[in-house]
Amino acid sequence: MARAVTLNIWGRGSAWRRRLPLVRDELVRLAPDFVGLQEVWRMGSRCQAEQIADALGYHVTYAPARTARNRATQGNALLSRAPVARYEVLPLPTPGVEPRSVLCAEVGSSTTVLVTHVTWEWEYAHIRQQQVRFLAELAAGRDVVLLGDLNAAPDTDEIRWLTSRMEDAWACGGRGPGHTYTPANRHARKAREPARRIDYILTAGLRAAHAELAFTTPHLTARGSLWPSDHFGVVCDLESGPRGLPDTAAPAER
């Protein structure tokens, strides 16, 4: 059995230095084998993923998605207990919008881990549909764990199509709505968006035995509640052996 975690760390958003120990403490508690991180910044030799992994025993693999004017990059990262045998960083289809990428890493002898963060704007569902098709093609024929901020709720066309081809760990092993972006988190409340489940662990060739939310406990400070991120994370335990999934038509374009 392996344990996987995904978390959008909110980049350099509010109080990163004070949020960093909260992220690290939760990883110590969870003790996952794979950790997918989104919105990870790297500038020169400084990388948020390496700050998180420092002295926790993880191998760090970083995948840039876009470059800022100061040459800092933002992207995705994988923390893994086992070394990464090989990896590649592939651009997602992003016609006319901010660049996005997927980290495709071979971990151990047989597992592929994908870490990604797709386009966020609500009006770009048609672009997300292109991106999930790309992810499904990468996952085809492999034992895969996909760790991602997919910026869409489970009832959207893009997610319904993707979860007809990959297993949704929360749908199999979680309880309740599993909202990962919610006004219950003070950092997310400022966005004035409805509570949604937009962060996922999806699998192919593996199945989820259990799933729950993580990074949900705030630290009380003189300035108010401080959460590890503006997102909640997801943790799940994985076993070998897929559940059968139906094949369906491609998602309708909007």
Foldseek 3Di string as FASTA:
>chain_A
DFKEKEDAQAAPPDPLVVLLVLLLVQCVVVVGQKYKYFFWKDDDPDTSVCSSCPPVQWDKDWEFFDADPNRITGAMMMTGNADWPDWDKAWFDDVPDRTWIWIWTHGDDFEIEIHTEDDADPVVVLSLLSRLVVVLVVQPPGWYKYWYQSNDACPDLSNVQSCLRWPWQCVVANDDQQFFQDVVQVVNVVVVDHTGRRTTITTDQKHFPHKDWTQPDFDQDPVGTHTSHNTIMMMTDIDGDDDDGDHDDRGDRD
